[in-house]
Amino acid sequence: MAERTIPDTLEFADPAQGFRASLALHGLAERVEARSVELARKKGWAWQQIGEALGVTRQSVHHKYGRDQE
């Protein structure tokens, strides 16, 4: 996936608004990732496959989600 820049038009009068938006997006991304890992494991995906899809090692994804999936 190509990295994209944030347009200059995305500015907030109060920087705290930007931080709150960023935190909300991080939380959503974590929930989407966790659910995707859960579904992948139910479909028989190996930890190696999941790690490759996420751009991390199988060990790191197993460490993060393995206890919840076994």
N, C-alpha and C. Protein backbone atom coordinates (compact mmCIF):
# COMPACT_ATOMS: atom_id res chain seq x y z
N MET A 1 0.85 -1.18 0.00
CA MET A 1 0.00 0.00 0.00
C MET A 1 0.89 1.24 0.00
N ALA A 2 0.63 2.15 -0.89
CA ALA A 2 1.42 3.36 -0.98
C ALA A 2 1.10 4.30 0.17
N GLU A 3 2.13 4.93 0.68
CA GLU A 3 1.93 5.89 1.77
C GLU A 3 1.37 7.18 1.18
N ARG A 4 0.39 7.72 1.84
CA ARG A 4 -0.22 8.96 1.36
C ARG A 4 0.00 10.07 2.37
N THR A 5 0.06 11.27 1.87
CA THR A 5 0.24 12.41 2.77
C THR A 5 -1.11 12.97 3.18
N ILE A 6 -1.13 13.60 4.31
CA ILE A 6 -2.34 14.24 4.82
C ILE A 6 -2.41 15.63 4.19
N PRO A 7 -3.52 15.96 3.57
CA PRO A 7 -3.62 17.29 2.94
C PRO A 7 -3.55 18.41 3.97
N ASP A 8 -3.00 19.54 3.55
CA ASP A 8 -2.91 20.70 4.44
C ASP A 8 -4.28 21.18 4.89
N THR A 9 -5.31 20.82 4.14
CA THR A 9 -6.66 21.27 4.51
C THR A 9 -7.17 20.56 5.76
N LEU A 10 -6.50 19.49 6.18
CA LEU A 10 -6.91 18.78 7.38
C LEU A 10 -6.23 19.44 8.58
N GLU A 11 -6.79 20.53 9.00
CA GLU A 11 -6.27 21.27 10.14
C GLU A 11 -7.39 21.52 11.13
N PHE A 12 -7.02 21.58 12.38
CA PHE A 12 -7.98 21.82 13.45
C PHE A 12 -7.61 23.13 14.15
N ALA A 13 -8.62 23.88 14.55
CA ALA A 13 -8.37 25.11 15.31
C ALA A 13 -7.67 24.78 16.62
N ASP A 14 -8.05 23.66 17.20
CA ASP A 14 -7.46 23.20 18.46
C ASP A 14 -6.74 21.88 18.20
N PRO A 15 -5.43 21.82 18.38
CA PRO A 15 -4.70 20.58 18.14
C PRO A 15 -5.25 19.40 18.91
N ALA A 16 -5.90 19.63 20.03
CA ALA A 16 -6.48 18.54 20.82
C ALA A 16 -7.52 17.78 20.00
N GLN A 17 -8.21 18.47 19.10
CA GLN A 17 -9.18 17.80 18.22
C GLN A 17 -8.49 16.78 17.34
N GLY A 18 -7.35 17.16 16.80
CA GLY A 18 -6.58 16.24 15.97
C GLY A 18 -6.10 15.04 16.76
N PHE A 19 -5.66 15.26 17.99
CA PHE A 19 -5.21 14.15 18.83
C PHE A 19 -6.36 13.20 19.16
N ARG A 20 -7.53 13.76 19.46
CA ARG A 20 -8.68 12.92 19.75
C ARG A 20 -9.09 12.10 18.52
N ALA A 21 -9.05 12.73 17.36
CA ALA A 21 -9.37 12.01 16.12
C ALA A 21 -8.36 10.90 15.88
N SER A 22 -7.09 11.18 16.10
CA SER A 22 -6.05 10.18 15.91
C SER A 22 -6.23 9.00 16.86
N LEU A 23 -6.54 9.28 18.11
CA LEU A 23 -6.77 8.21 19.08
C LEU A 23 -7.97 7.36 18.69
N ALA A 24 -9.03 8.00 18.22
CA ALA A 24 -10.22 7.25 17.80
C ALA A 24 -9.89 6.35 16.61
N LEU A 25 -9.12 6.85 15.66
CA LEU A 25 -8.74 6.06 14.50
C LEU A 25 -7.83 4.88 14.89
N HIS A 26 -6.90 5.13 15.80
CA HIS A 26 -6.05 4.04 16.29
C HIS A 26 -6.88 2.95 16.95
N GLY A 27 -7.84 3.35 17.75
CA GLY A 27 -8.71 2.38 18.41
C GLY A 27 -9.50 1.57 17.41
N LEU A 28 -10.04 2.24 16.40
CA LEU A 28 -10.79 1.54 15.36
C LEU A 28 -9.89 0.57 14.60
N ALA A 29 -8.69 1.01 14.25
CA ALA A 29 -7.75 0.15 13.53
C ALA A 29 -7.41 -1.09 14.35
N GLU A 30 -7.22 -0.94 15.65
CA GLU A 30 -6.92 -2.09 16.52
C GLU A 30 -8.07 -3.08 16.53
N ARG A 31 -9.31 -2.58 16.59
CA ARG A 31 -10.47 -3.48 16.61
C ARG A 31 -10.64 -4.20 15.27
N VAL A 32 -10.40 -3.49 14.17
CA VAL A 32 -10.49 -4.12 12.84
C VAL A 32 -9.42 -5.19 12.71
N GLU A 33 -8.21 -4.90 13.15
CA GLU A 33 -7.12 -5.86 13.08
C GLU A 33 -7.43 -7.10 13.91
N ALA A 34 -7.87 -6.90 15.15
CA ALA A 34 -8.17 -8.04 16.03
C ALA A 34 -9.27 -8.92 15.45
N ARG A 35 -10.30 -8.31 14.91
CA ARG A 35 -11.40 -9.08 14.32
C ARG A 35 -10.92 -9.82 13.08
N SER A 36 -10.08 -9.20 12.28
CA SER A 36 -9.56 -9.84 11.08
C SER A 36 -8.67 -11.03 11.44
N VAL A 37 -7.89 -10.90 12.48
CA VAL A 37 -7.06 -12.02 12.95
C VAL A 37 -7.97 -13.16 13.41
N GLU A 38 -8.98 -12.83 14.17
CA GLU A 38 -9.92 -13.85 14.64
C GLU A 38 -10.56 -14.60 13.47
N LEU A 39 -11.02 -13.87 12.47
CA LEU A 39 -11.65 -14.50 11.32
C LEU A 39 -10.65 -15.32 10.51
N ALA A 40 -9.44 -14.81 10.35
CA ALA A 40 -8.42 -15.55 9.61
C ALA A 40 -8.10 -16.88 10.31
N ARG A 41 -7.98 -16.85 11.62
CA ARG A 41 -7.69 -18.09 12.36
C ARG A 41 -8.84 -19.08 12.21
N LYS A 42 -10.08 -18.60 12.26
CA LYS A 42 -11.24 -19.48 12.09
C LYS A 42 -11.27 -20.10 10.70
N LYS A 43 -10.70 -19.40 9.71
CA LYS A 43 -10.65 -19.92 8.34
C LYS A 43 -9.39 -20.75 8.09
N GLY A 44 -8.61 -20.97 9.13
CA GLY A 44 -7.45 -21.84 9.02
C GLY A 44 -6.14 -21.18 8.62
N TRP A 45 -6.09 -19.87 8.64
CA TRP A 45 -4.85 -19.18 8.30
C TRP A 45 -3.79 -19.48 9.37
N ALA A 46 -2.57 -19.66 8.91
CA ALA A 46 -1.43 -19.85 9.82
C ALA A 46 -0.97 -18.49 10.33
N TRP A 47 -0.29 -18.52 11.48
CA TRP A 47 0.23 -17.26 12.04
C TRP A 47 1.18 -16.60 11.04
N GLN A 48 1.91 -17.40 10.29
CA GLN A 48 2.83 -16.85 9.27
C GLN A 48 2.06 -16.04 8.23
N GLN A 49 0.95 -16.57 7.75
CA GLN A 49 0.14 -15.86 6.76
C GLN A 49 -0.39 -14.54 7.31
N ILE A 50 -0.87 -14.59 8.53
CA ILE A 50 -1.42 -13.38 9.16
C ILE A 50 -0.32 -12.35 9.34
N GLY A 51 0.84 -12.79 9.81
CA GLY A 51 1.96 -11.87 9.98
C GLY A 51 2.35 -11.21 8.68
N GLU A 52 2.41 -12.01 7.61
CA GLU A 52 2.76 -11.45 6.30
C GLU A 52 1.71 -10.42 5.85
N ALA A 53 0.44 -10.72 6.08
CA ALA A 53 -0.62 -9.79 5.68
C ALA A 53 -0.52 -8.48 6.45
N LEU A 54 -0.07 -8.55 7.70
CA LEU A 54 0.05 -7.36 8.53
C LEU A 54 1.41 -6.68 8.43
N GLY A 55 2.36 -7.34 7.75
CA GLY A 55 3.69 -6.77 7.61
C GLY A 55 4.53 -6.90 8.86
N VAL A 56 4.27 -7.96 9.64
CA VAL A 56 5.02 -8.22 10.87
C VAL A 56 5.42 -9.70 10.88
N THR A 57 6.19 -10.09 11.86
CA THR A 57 6.58 -11.50 11.97
C THR A 57 5.44 -12.32 12.55
N ARG A 58 5.49 -13.62 12.28
CA ARG A 58 4.48 -14.52 12.86
C ARG A 58 4.58 -14.51 14.37
N GLN A 59 5.81 -14.37 14.89
CA GLN A 59 5.98 -14.35 16.33
C GLN A 59 5.30 -13.15 16.97
N SER A 60 5.42 -12.00 16.33
CA SER A 60 4.83 -10.81 16.95
C SER A 60 3.30 -10.86 16.91
N VAL A 61 2.74 -11.35 15.80
CA VAL A 61 1.28 -11.43 15.73
C VAL A 61 0.76 -12.51 16.68
N HIS A 62 1.50 -13.60 16.81
CA HIS A 62 1.08 -14.65 17.75
C HIS A 62 1.18 -14.15 19.18
N HIS A 63 2.23 -13.41 19.47
CA HIS A 63 2.39 -12.87 20.82
C HIS A 63 1.24 -11.91 21.15
N LYS A 64 0.82 -11.11 20.17
CA LYS A 64 -0.24 -10.13 20.40
C LYS A 64 -1.62 -10.78 20.50
N TYR A 65 -1.89 -11.81 19.67
CA TYR A 65 -3.23 -12.36 19.60
C TYR A 65 -3.33 -13.84 19.94
N GLY A 66 -2.24 -14.54 20.05
CA GLY A 66 -2.26 -15.99 20.22
C GLY A 66 -3.03 -16.49 21.42
N ARG A 67 -2.89 -15.83 22.52
CA ARG A 67 -3.57 -16.28 23.75
C ARG A 67 -5.08 -16.19 23.60
N ASP A 68 -5.54 -15.20 22.84
CA ASP A 68 -6.99 -15.02 22.63
C ASP A 68 -7.55 -16.04 21.65
N GLN A 69 -6.70 -16.60 20.80
CA GLN A 69 -7.16 -17.47 19.72
C GLN A 69 -7.02 -18.95 20.04
N GLU A 70 -6.42 -19.27 21.16
CA GLU A 70 -6.19 -20.70 21.47
C GLU A 70 -6.91 -21.11 22.71
